[in-house]
Structure formats: structure tokens, C-alpha cells
Amino acid sequence: MQKLKNALANKPANELARAFSTIRGQTGRLVQPLSAEDCCVQSMPDASPAKWHLAHTTWFFETFILEQFETGFQPFHPAFRVLFNSYYEGVGEQHPRAQRGLMTRPSLAEVQAYRQNVDQRLLALLGQALAPDLRQQLTALVELGLQHEQQHQELMLTDIKHLLSMNPLQPPYLTSDAMAEAADNTAMATALQWQPFEAGIVEIGHAGKGFFFDNETPRHRQFVEPFSMASRLVSNGEYLAFVEAGGYQNPLLWLAAGWEWVQQQKLTRPLYWQAAYTQFDSSWREFTLHGLQPLALHEAVTHISFFEAEAYARWAGARLPTEAEWELAAAAQVADSAADYFGVAWQWTTSSYAPYPGYVALPGAVGEYNGKFMVNQYVLRGSSLATPDGHARLSYRNFFPATARWQFSGIRLARS
């Protein structure tokens, strides 16, 4: 448990309990705009029903904490150990991921009762007197569970958006005027600037205090050649120029695997874009969490796969950054209040998701959290508009396969 020591380790139990209640409550609020039917459906194998997210995050606390620390532990429902296990082979069997949307039972109401039951038991556990070493282990696991829950909060939003986009009614998820899309959809993004960085040895990875996942460590040195980084993310308007210039029809712009994927999927535009070519309307629209909206040309393009990002970069006479370049540039720009490194879109890098030199996974089943996925995926850096407050940090390593589009992923360009 050494690597799980974190910012909450030395804080009183009531402060940890407040953090637990706040984050768990936020997850519950995410499903309030949805119907029970919305919460049950799975729109594709990569996504999960909202009901499953609610149950799986609860399963994490029950399986990894209550089962270990609670006196006289009894599971809420024995079948849930298999139904809501995501990928932890060390825990046991899992229900097939692609069939999560077929589980009409347990009902949403029963899943909500499951959450309430585990929450009450976990809060009671936090209020008990424990030996210092057990308290430290408990605190570390609770914070890991809360960070895990925040990851699923973001996944819930991306999965909900994909689900609603498949509905012929194209219903909005959010309707609050305070969160409405920008009214000016014809404005263009500010001029892109290139920020130079000299060659040298840089340190990347987690350093200092605060929570971190094991894949962010150990902090280590890398050499970078001279490069320049774009001052902002690629905009919808800029990506639209790529689309209208025939970017999806030009094999010379694509990696071989990317071109094969584009051809097989018959792709001609980003995931949520729709062209309205009629006698009266030739505009582009985009499905958003607020429903179908005119394409906002000045906003950052999102829901772009690695293959699409890489092809656009080649077309634009640039490339994608490495994660060492990204972390160096982001560290410099965050100090200057450059906002869009965080909170807009995850940014693809050309770095394969692989272990840092000296990486050691956590022991036991929780060690399956990150290390087992270090193959056939690329690293994304930053955070997105769906990332919960306080969950992003400079060293955070997100990762997805090259074809993933349903996440809020965008493009930051680099040049050698």
C-alpha cells in the first residue's frame, strides 16, 4: 500500500467522510436528468449503461474496502460480485462487457438501494477507531475509490452523450440556460501561435504531494529535441477545413491502419457532426450534451480519434506532441494561465501507453487498475469539460486505443 499514500492520508476521518459523501452525491446527480430506461441501455460495447456505472463504483467500495475492513462482512447481493466486476481477474469472474445493457435486473431502484447501503456502511467504517496502520490503508483505498468514481463520472457523461445521440429524437441531456452552448457559432478561433522550447533533459511524472495513480510514476528524465507547441487546441472551424478539403478521402494523409479503419467505417467527419445539405440549409451541426446545435467554429474540435488527429496534423504541416513535450509545455503555460491545456478536451500524444522506467504495479487485485492495459493504446494528456473538478493534474496519463472517438478528445499540434 506504500504507493497509495496520498493527500488525505493524514486528514481526520470526518474530512474524508465529507469528501466521500460529496463525490458519491455528484455521481447520483449525474443520472437525475435520465429516465430509468435511459439508465439501462448500452449504446455500444465500449460504453456502459449509467446503471452499471452506479453499481460498479459501489462494487469497488464493497469489494476492496468493506470486504477487507468491515466486521462480519456480508455482501449486499452475492451475484453483484460477478455482475459489476469490470476487469479484475484477481476478484473473479465478470459479466461480459458487451452484454451490460441486457441486465434489466437488478432494477435502477435496486442499484440505488445498493449504493445507499454501501454508503452507510462505509461511512460507519470511517467513524470507527482503527489502529494507525489500518487507518492509513483504509484512507488510501477510499481515496483510490473516490478517484476511480470520478473517472466513472466522466465516463458516464461520454456514455450518456453517445446513447442520446443514437436516439432519433436526439434529446438533450442538459437544458439549463446557465450551461447553454455559446450563442455565436460563426466566430472563429483566435490566431494560433507557436511557442518554442529548447532541447534538453526534462523530468516528467508525478512529483510532490497529492494523489496520483501508479502509472504516473516514477518521475524520470527524458531528452527532447527543439520543438514548438501550439498555443491552443485545433478548432472546429480548422477541422472543418480539413473535412471540406477531402481529408477523409486522401489516403496519403493517413497511417495505413487508420486509412483501413476509415474505409471500413465509411467515415467522412467527426463522430457527432451532421451536415444539413438541403435546399434551404447547407450548415453543419453537432450533437452536444445540450442536444443538436449549430457547429461552433471557434470551439475546440472534440471526439477525435488518434487516427483522425494524426491525419489532421499531417495535413496541417505539423504533428502530435510526445507526452514529454506536452508535460513540459503545459507546465510552462499553466504558470502563465493558459487555460485550454485543461478542462476542454483530452489531447492525443504520439506516446504509446507504456510503463515509465522503473514502474512497479500495485500489489494484489488493485494492481490490475492500470498496468495490465499498457499495450496497443496511446496516451492523452490534460483533461476535458467532462472531467470532475479537482481530478486533473499535470502528470495524469489517460489512455485509449487509436480508434476511440466517444471521449472528449481533441488535438494540440506540435512542430519539430
Protein backbone atom coordinates (compact mmCIF):
# COMPACT_ATOMS: atom_id res chain seq x y z
CA MET A 1 0.00 0.00 0.00
CA GLN A 2 3.03 2.29 0.04
CA LYS A 3 2.23 3.84 -3.33
CA LEU A 4 -1.31 4.72 -2.35
CA LYS A 5 -0.27 7.27 0.27
CA ASN A 6 -1.98 10.49 -0.65
CA ALA A 7 -3.23 13.92 0.29
CA LEU A 8 -5.97 12.61 2.59
CA ALA A 9 -3.75 10.19 4.49
CA ASN A 10 -3.21 12.48 7.46
CA LYS A 11 -6.60 14.18 7.47
CA PRO A 12 -9.29 13.43 10.06
CA ALA A 13 -11.93 10.82 9.32
CA ASN A 14 -14.74 13.39 9.16
CA GLU A 15 -12.97 15.23 6.35
CA LEU A 16 -12.58 12.00 4.39
CA ALA A 17 -16.24 11.23 5.06
CA ARG A 18 -17.27 14.62 3.66
CA ALA A 19 -15.21 14.03 0.53
CA PHE A 20 -16.80 10.60 0.16
CA SER A 21 -20.33 11.95 0.51
CA THR A 22 -19.69 14.84 -1.88
CA ILE A 23 -18.25 12.73 -4.69
CA ARG A 24 -20.77 9.93 -4.30
CA GLY A 25 -23.54 12.53 -4.31
CA GLN A 26 -22.26 14.05 -7.53
CA THR A 27 -22.48 10.67 -9.25
CA GLY A 28 -26.09 10.42 -8.20
CA ARG A 29 -26.83 13.88 -9.57
CA LEU A 30 -25.46 12.91 -12.99
CA VAL A 31 -28.33 10.49 -13.57
CA GLN A 32 -31.11 12.83 -12.38
CA PRO A 33 -31.89 14.09 -15.93
CA LEU A 34 -32.26 10.48 -17.13
CA SER A 35 -35.18 8.07 -17.12
CA ALA A 36 -34.89 4.54 -15.80
CA GLU A 37 -34.91 3.39 -19.43
CA ASP A 38 -32.02 5.74 -20.27
CA CYS A 39 -30.01 4.26 -17.40
CA CYS A 40 -30.35 0.68 -18.62
CA VAL A 41 -29.35 0.93 -22.29
CA GLN A 42 -25.85 0.29 -23.68
CA SER A 43 -25.22 2.08 -26.99
CA MET A 44 -22.04 0.19 -27.97
CA PRO A 45 -19.63 -2.36 -26.45
CA ASP A 46 -17.15 0.33 -25.38
CA ALA A 47 -19.80 2.21 -23.41
CA SER A 48 -21.72 1.12 -20.32
CA PRO A 49 -25.23 1.86 -19.07
CA ALA A 50 -25.46 4.57 -16.44
CA LYS A 51 -26.99 1.97 -14.10
CA TRP A 52 -23.88 -0.19 -14.47
CA HIS A 53 -21.61 2.77 -13.62
CA LEU A 54 -23.67 3.43 -10.49
CA ALA A 55 -23.35 -0.20 -9.45
CA HIS A 56 -19.71 -0.76 -10.42
CA THR A 57 -18.40 2.23 -8.47
CA THR A 58 -20.34 0.90 -5.47
CA TRP A 59 -18.94 -2.58 -6.07
CA PHE A 60 -15.44 -1.09 -5.83
CA PHE A 61 -16.05 0.16 -2.29
CA GLU A 62 -17.83 -3.01 -1.22
CA THR A 63 -15.24 -5.39 -2.68
CA PHE A 64 -11.97 -3.66 -1.94
CA ILE A 65 -12.86 -1.93 1.35
CA LEU A 66 -15.88 -3.32 3.16
CA GLU A 67 -14.94 -6.92 2.46
CA GLN A 68 -11.49 -6.28 3.94
CA PHE A 69 -12.28 -3.98 6.88
CA GLU A 70 -15.91 -4.48 7.93
CA THR A 71 -16.50 -6.81 10.86
CA GLY A 72 -18.97 -9.57 9.94
CA PHE A 73 -19.00 -8.51 6.28
CA GLN A 74 -21.93 -9.72 4.21
CA PRO A 75 -22.38 -8.71 0.56
CA PHE A 76 -25.47 -6.71 -0.37
CA HIS A 77 -26.22 -9.30 -3.06
CA PRO A 78 -23.86 -12.22 -3.79
CA ALA A 79 -24.48 -12.05 -7.55
CA PHE A 80 -23.26 -8.45 -7.73
CA ARG A 81 -19.67 -9.64 -7.26
CA VAL A 82 -19.74 -11.01 -10.82
CA LEU A 83 -22.31 -8.68 -12.42
CA PHE A 84 -20.45 -5.47 -11.59
CA ASN A 85 -16.82 -6.59 -11.72
CA SER A 86 -15.27 -4.75 -14.64
CA TYR A 87 -11.93 -6.46 -15.33
CA TYR A 88 -10.41 -7.58 -12.03
CA GLU A 89 -9.34 -11.16 -12.63
CA GLY A 90 -7.96 -11.29 -9.09
CA VAL A 91 -11.51 -10.86 -7.77
CA GLY A 92 -13.11 -13.47 -10.00
CA GLU A 93 -15.46 -13.79 -12.96
CA GLN A 94 -17.02 -10.85 -14.77
CA HIS A 95 -20.25 -10.45 -16.72
CA PRO A 96 -19.37 -9.88 -20.43
CA ARG A 97 -18.79 -6.20 -21.06
CA ALA A 98 -20.76 -6.08 -24.31
CA GLN A 99 -23.83 -7.52 -22.52
CA ARG A 100 -24.12 -4.98 -19.72
CA GLY A 101 -27.09 -3.37 -21.44
CA LEU A 102 -29.02 -6.64 -21.29
CA MET A 103 -29.25 -6.55 -17.49
CA THR A 104 -32.76 -5.23 -16.97
CA ARG A 105 -32.45 -6.71 -13.49
CA PRO A 106 -31.43 -5.54 -10.94
CA SER A 107 -33.62 -2.50 -11.45
CA LEU A 108 -32.37 1.05 -11.18
CA ALA A 109 -34.17 1.30 -7.84
CA GLU A 110 -32.32 -1.75 -6.51
CA VAL A 111 -28.98 -0.34 -7.69
CA GLN A 112 -29.79 2.92 -5.90
CA ALA A 113 -30.58 0.92 -2.76
CA TYR A 114 -27.24 -0.85 -3.19
CA ARG A 115 -25.45 2.49 -3.31
CA GLN A 116 -27.26 3.75 -0.22
CA ASN A 117 -26.49 0.57 1.72
CA VAL A 118 -22.77 0.60 0.89
CA ASP A 119 -22.51 4.34 1.55
CA GLN A 120 -23.99 3.96 5.03
CA ARG A 121 -21.68 1.06 5.86
CA LEU A 122 -18.60 2.82 4.51
CA LEU A 123 -19.33 5.99 6.47
CA ALA A 124 -19.84 3.90 9.61
CA LEU A 125 -16.48 2.24 9.00
CA LEU A 126 -14.77 5.63 8.63
CA GLY A 127 -16.15 6.61 12.03
CA GLN A 128 -14.63 3.65 13.83
CA ALA A 129 -11.42 3.73 15.84
CA LEU A 130 -8.70 1.84 13.96
CA ALA A 131 -5.02 1.17 14.50
CA PRO A 132 -2.85 3.76 12.67
CA ASP A 133 -1.60 1.32 10.02
CA LEU A 134 -5.13 0.09 9.29
CA ARG A 135 -6.41 3.68 9.19
CA GLN A 136 -3.74 4.56 6.65
CA GLN A 137 -4.60 1.56 4.46
CA LEU A 138 -8.31 2.36 4.70
CA THR A 139 -7.80 6.03 3.85
CA ALA A 140 -5.60 5.18 0.86
CA LEU A 141 -8.15 2.73 -0.54
CA VAL A 142 -11.05 5.16 -0.01
CA GLU A 143 -9.25 7.88 -1.94
CA LEU A 144 -8.40 5.43 -4.72
CA GLY A 145 -12.09 4.54 -4.81
CA LEU A 146 -13.08 8.21 -4.99
CA GLN A 147 -10.63 8.90 -7.80
CA HIS A 148 -11.99 5.81 -9.55
CA GLU A 149 -15.52 7.17 -9.08
CA GLN A 150 -14.54 10.50 -10.63
CA GLN A 151 -13.18 8.65 -13.64
CA HIS A 152 -16.55 6.98 -13.98
CA GLN A 153 -18.34 10.31 -13.65
CA GLU A 154 -16.55 11.38 -16.82
CA LEU A 155 -17.27 8.06 -18.49
CA MET A 156 -20.93 8.41 -17.58
CA LEU A 157 -21.15 11.73 -19.43
CA THR A 158 -19.40 10.39 -22.52
CA ASP A 159 -21.54 7.26 -22.50
CA ILE A 160 -24.76 9.20 -21.94
CA LYS A 161 -23.91 11.55 -24.81
CA HIS A 162 -23.27 8.62 -27.14
CA LEU A 163 -26.50 6.94 -26.06
CA LEU A 164 -28.67 10.02 -26.61
CA SER A 165 -27.02 10.70 -29.98
CA MET A 166 -28.30 7.30 -31.16
CA ASN A 167 -31.88 8.28 -30.31
CA PRO A 168 -33.81 9.55 -33.38
CA LEU A 169 -35.26 12.31 -31.19
CA GLN A 170 -31.70 13.46 -30.34
CA PRO A 171 -32.80 14.64 -26.90
CA PRO A 172 -30.63 16.98 -24.83
CA TYR A 173 -29.08 15.79 -21.59
CA LEU A 174 -28.64 19.33 -20.21
CA THR A 175 -31.24 22.05 -20.57
CA SER A 176 -30.05 24.65 -18.04
CA ASP A 177 -29.59 28.10 -19.58
CA ALA A 178 -26.57 28.59 -17.34
CA MET A 179 -24.81 25.75 -19.18
CA ALA A 180 -26.10 26.55 -22.66
CA GLU A 181 -23.81 26.48 -25.67
CA ALA A 182 -22.22 29.74 -26.83
CA ALA A 183 -24.65 31.79 -28.91
CA ASP A 184 -22.14 33.00 -31.55
CA ASN A 185 -21.50 29.96 -33.72
CA THR A 186 -19.89 31.89 -36.59
CA ALA A 187 -16.98 33.38 -34.63
CA MET A 188 -13.54 32.00 -35.48
CA ALA A 189 -10.88 30.92 -33.01
CA THR A 190 -8.08 33.28 -32.07
CA ALA A 191 -4.95 33.11 -34.21
CA LEU A 192 -2.78 30.13 -33.37
CA GLN A 193 0.69 30.95 -32.05
CA TRP A 194 3.73 28.68 -31.89
CA GLN A 195 5.59 28.59 -28.59
CA PRO A 196 9.22 27.42 -28.91
CA PHE A 197 11.05 25.15 -26.48
CA GLU A 198 14.74 24.36 -26.46
CA ALA A 199 16.29 20.93 -26.49
CA GLY A 200 17.25 19.43 -23.18
CA ILE A 201 16.64 16.88 -20.48
CA VAL A 202 13.24 17.19 -18.83
CA GLU A 203 11.66 15.40 -15.90
CA ILE A 204 8.14 14.03 -16.27
CA GLY A 205 5.85 12.07 -13.99
CA HIS A 206 4.27 12.78 -10.65
CA ALA A 207 6.25 14.82 -8.15
CA GLY A 208 5.28 16.40 -4.88
CA LYS A 209 2.14 15.97 -2.82
CA GLY A 210 -1.36 14.88 -3.70
CA PHE A 211 -2.98 11.81 -5.13
CA PHE A 212 -1.54 10.02 -8.15
CA PHE A 213 -2.12 6.76 -9.98
CA ASP A 214 0.76 4.33 -10.15
CA ASN A 215 1.12 4.78 -13.94
CA GLU A 216 2.25 8.39 -13.34
CA THR A 217 5.39 7.15 -11.58
CA PRO A 218 8.26 7.09 -11.16
CA ARG A 219 9.29 10.60 -12.10
CA HIS A 220 12.13 10.25 -14.57
CA ARG A 221 14.21 12.05 -17.16
CA GLN A 222 13.71 12.22 -20.90
CA PHE A 223 15.56 14.11 -23.61
CA VAL A 224 13.57 16.29 -26.01
CA GLU A 225 14.75 17.87 -29.23
CA PRO A 226 13.85 21.51 -30.00
CA PHE A 227 10.12 21.85 -30.72
CA SER A 228 7.24 24.28 -30.81
CA MET A 229 3.79 23.77 -29.31
CA ALA A 230 0.53 25.28 -30.49
CA SER A 231 -0.88 27.91 -28.16
CA ARG A 232 -4.38 26.43 -28.30
CA LEU A 233 -6.32 23.40 -29.41
CA VAL A 234 -7.43 22.88 -33.00
CA SER A 235 -10.86 24.44 -33.53
CA ASN A 236 -14.00 23.13 -35.20
CA GLY A 237 -13.51 25.68 -37.96
CA GLU A 238 -9.97 24.48 -38.66
CA TYR A 239 -11.02 20.85 -38.65
CA LEU A 240 -13.96 21.70 -40.93
CA ALA A 241 -11.43 22.98 -43.48
CA PHE A 242 -9.75 19.56 -43.35
CA VAL A 243 -13.09 17.82 -43.88
CA GLU A 244 -14.10 20.06 -46.78
CA ALA A 245 -10.65 19.71 -48.38
CA GLY A 246 -11.26 15.97 -48.68
CA GLY A 247 -9.15 14.93 -45.72
CA TYR A 248 -11.16 11.75 -45.19
CA GLN A 249 -10.74 10.79 -48.87
CA ASN A 250 -6.95 11.24 -49.14
CA PRO A 251 -5.03 8.06 -48.21
CA LEU A 252 -1.71 9.96 -48.24
CA LEU A 253 -2.70 11.71 -45.01
CA TRP A 254 -3.40 8.58 -43.01
CA LEU A 255 -1.44 5.86 -41.32
CA ALA A 256 -2.11 2.53 -43.02
CA ALA A 257 -4.18 1.17 -40.13
CA GLY A 258 -6.04 4.49 -39.92
CA TRP A 259 -6.89 4.52 -43.61
CA GLU A 260 -8.14 0.92 -43.41
CA TRP A 261 -10.31 1.91 -40.43
CA VAL A 262 -11.71 4.99 -42.22
CA GLN A 263 -12.59 2.89 -45.25
CA GLN A 264 -14.19 0.11 -43.25
CA GLN A 265 -16.25 2.52 -41.15
CA LYS A 266 -17.02 4.80 -44.12
CA LEU A 267 -16.04 7.85 -42.06
CA THR A 268 -16.28 11.35 -43.53
CA ARG A 269 -16.40 13.61 -40.44
CA PRO A 270 -16.12 13.66 -36.64
CA LEU A 271 -18.42 11.47 -34.61
CA TYR A 272 -21.15 13.94 -33.68
CA TRP A 273 -21.12 16.21 -36.75
CA GLN A 274 -24.13 16.32 -39.05
CA ALA A 275 -24.34 18.05 -42.42
CA ALA A 276 -27.65 19.71 -43.27
CA TYR A 277 -27.41 19.97 -47.06
CA THR A 278 -30.94 20.91 -48.11
CA GLN A 279 -32.49 23.47 -50.43
CA PHE A 280 -32.67 25.91 -47.55
CA ASP A 281 -29.76 24.92 -45.32
CA SER A 282 -26.14 23.97 -46.01
CA SER A 283 -24.82 24.33 -42.49
CA TRP A 284 -23.07 21.90 -40.14
CA ARG A 285 -24.47 20.85 -36.78
CA GLU A 286 -23.05 18.96 -33.84
CA PHE A 287 -24.78 16.78 -31.29
CA THR A 288 -23.83 18.02 -27.82
CA LEU A 289 -24.93 17.41 -24.25
CA HIS A 290 -27.44 20.19 -24.97
CA GLY A 291 -28.82 18.36 -28.00
CA LEU A 292 -28.27 19.22 -31.65
CA GLN A 293 -26.59 22.63 -32.01
CA PRO A 294 -25.07 24.68 -34.85
CA LEU A 295 -21.38 23.85 -35.16
CA ALA A 296 -19.47 26.42 -33.11
CA LEU A 297 -16.48 27.16 -35.34
CA HIS A 298 -14.40 28.82 -32.61
CA GLU A 299 -14.65 25.97 -30.11
CA ALA A 300 -12.14 23.15 -29.87
CA VAL A 301 -12.92 20.12 -32.01
CA THR A 302 -13.68 17.09 -29.84
CA HIS A 303 -14.44 13.39 -30.18
CA ILE A 304 -11.47 12.91 -32.47
CA SER A 305 -9.64 9.57 -32.63
CA PHE A 306 -5.86 9.26 -32.64
CA PHE A 307 -6.01 8.32 -36.33
CA GLU A 308 -8.03 11.46 -37.14
CA ALA A 309 -5.80 13.68 -35.02
CA GLU A 310 -2.66 12.29 -36.66
CA ALA A 311 -4.08 12.72 -40.18
CA TYR A 312 -5.16 16.30 -39.45
CA ALA A 313 -1.73 17.15 -38.06
CA ARG A 314 -0.05 15.86 -41.21
CA TRP A 315 -2.47 17.85 -43.38
CA ALA A 316 -1.74 20.99 -41.31
CA GLY A 317 2.04 20.60 -41.73
CA ALA A 318 2.55 19.68 -38.10
CA ARG A 319 2.47 16.62 -35.84
CA LEU A 320 1.15 15.49 -32.48
CA PRO A 321 3.38 16.04 -29.42
CA THR A 322 5.00 13.38 -27.30
CA GLU A 323 3.82 13.23 -23.72
CA ALA A 324 7.19 14.57 -22.54
CA GLU A 325 6.78 17.59 -24.84
CA TRP A 326 3.20 18.06 -23.69
CA GLU A 327 4.10 17.96 -19.99
CA LEU A 328 6.99 20.39 -20.48
CA ALA A 329 4.84 22.85 -22.44
CA ALA A 330 1.83 22.50 -20.15
CA ALA A 331 3.95 23.14 -17.06
CA ALA A 332 5.24 26.36 -18.63
CA GLN A 333 1.85 27.53 -19.88
CA VAL A 334 -0.13 26.72 -16.75
CA ALA A 335 2.17 29.13 -14.94
CA ASP A 336 1.05 31.75 -17.50
CA SER A 337 -2.63 30.85 -17.10
CA ALA A 338 -3.02 29.13 -20.47
CA ALA A 339 -6.46 27.67 -19.89
CA ASP A 340 -7.08 25.09 -22.59
CA TYR A 341 -4.41 22.60 -21.54
CA PHE A 342 -7.06 21.53 -19.02
CA GLY A 343 -10.84 21.44 -18.92
CA VAL A 344 -11.60 21.47 -22.65
CA ALA A 345 -10.50 18.23 -24.31
CA TRP A 346 -8.04 15.43 -23.68
CA GLN A 347 -5.14 15.82 -26.08
CA TRP A 348 -3.65 12.95 -28.05
CA THR A 349 0.09 12.36 -27.98
CA THR A 350 2.24 10.06 -30.11
CA SER A 351 3.43 8.27 -26.98
CA SER A 352 2.37 4.68 -26.61
CA TYR A 353 0.83 3.88 -23.24
CA ALA A 354 3.74 2.01 -21.71
CA PRO A 355 5.35 1.81 -18.26
CA TYR A 356 7.75 4.51 -17.19
CA PRO A 357 11.30 3.30 -16.44
CA GLY A 358 11.21 1.60 -13.06
CA TYR A 359 7.41 1.30 -12.94
CA VAL A 360 6.03 -1.24 -10.48
CA ALA A 361 2.32 -2.03 -10.34
CA LEU A 362 0.46 -2.06 -7.03
CA PRO A 363 0.22 -5.46 -5.31
CA GLY A 364 -2.96 -7.52 -5.34
CA ALA A 365 -6.13 -7.03 -7.39
CA VAL A 366 -5.88 -3.21 -7.31
CA GLY A 367 -2.63 -3.67 -9.25
CA GLU A 368 -4.80 -4.52 -12.26
CA TYR A 369 -6.03 -0.92 -12.30
CA ASN A 370 -3.53 0.47 -14.85
CA GLY A 371 -0.57 -1.74 -15.66
CA LYS A 372 -2.43 -4.52 -17.47
CA PHE A 373 -3.60 -2.06 -20.15
CA MET A 374 -0.13 -0.94 -21.22
CA VAL A 375 -0.36 -2.23 -24.79
CA ASN A 376 -1.93 -1.04 -28.08
CA GLN A 377 -3.06 2.32 -26.67
CA TYR A 378 -1.92 5.94 -26.86
CA VAL A 379 -1.53 8.47 -24.08
CA LEU A 380 -3.78 11.52 -23.84
CA ARG A 381 -2.92 14.42 -21.56
CA GLY A 382 -4.78 17.26 -19.88
CA SER A 383 -8.48 16.88 -19.06
CA SER A 384 -11.84 17.61 -20.66
CA LEU A 385 -15.00 19.56 -19.98
CA ALA A 386 -16.41 16.33 -18.54
CA THR A 387 -13.54 15.82 -16.07
CA PRO A 388 -14.70 16.47 -12.48
CA ASP A 389 -13.24 19.48 -10.69
CA GLY A 390 -10.04 18.65 -8.85
CA HIS A 391 -9.42 15.43 -10.78
CA ALA A 392 -6.93 16.76 -13.34
CA ARG A 393 -3.20 17.25 -12.84
CA LEU A 394 -0.07 17.78 -14.89
CA SER A 395 1.15 14.18 -14.72
CA TYR A 396 -2.22 12.45 -15.38
CA ARG A 397 -1.97 9.80 -18.11
CA ASN A 398 -5.23 8.95 -19.83
CA PHE A 399 -5.14 6.24 -22.49
CA PHE A 400 -7.33 4.87 -25.28
CA PRO A 401 -6.92 2.83 -28.47
CA ALA A 402 -6.30 4.67 -31.72
CA THR A 403 -9.91 4.36 -32.90
CA ALA A 404 -11.63 5.74 -29.76
CA ARG A 405 -13.90 8.69 -30.64
CA TRP A 406 -16.61 8.88 -27.98
CA GLN A 407 -14.38 10.55 -25.40
CA PHE A 408 -13.93 14.34 -25.28
CA SER A 409 -10.59 14.07 -27.10
CA GLY A 410 -9.06 16.83 -29.23
CA ILE A 411 -5.88 17.98 -30.94
CA ARG A 412 -2.93 20.09 -29.88
CA LEU A 413 -0.30 20.43 -32.60
CA ALA A 414 3.46 20.40 -32.29
CA ARG A 415 6.32 21.07 -34.71
CA SER A 416 9.90 19.89 -34.75
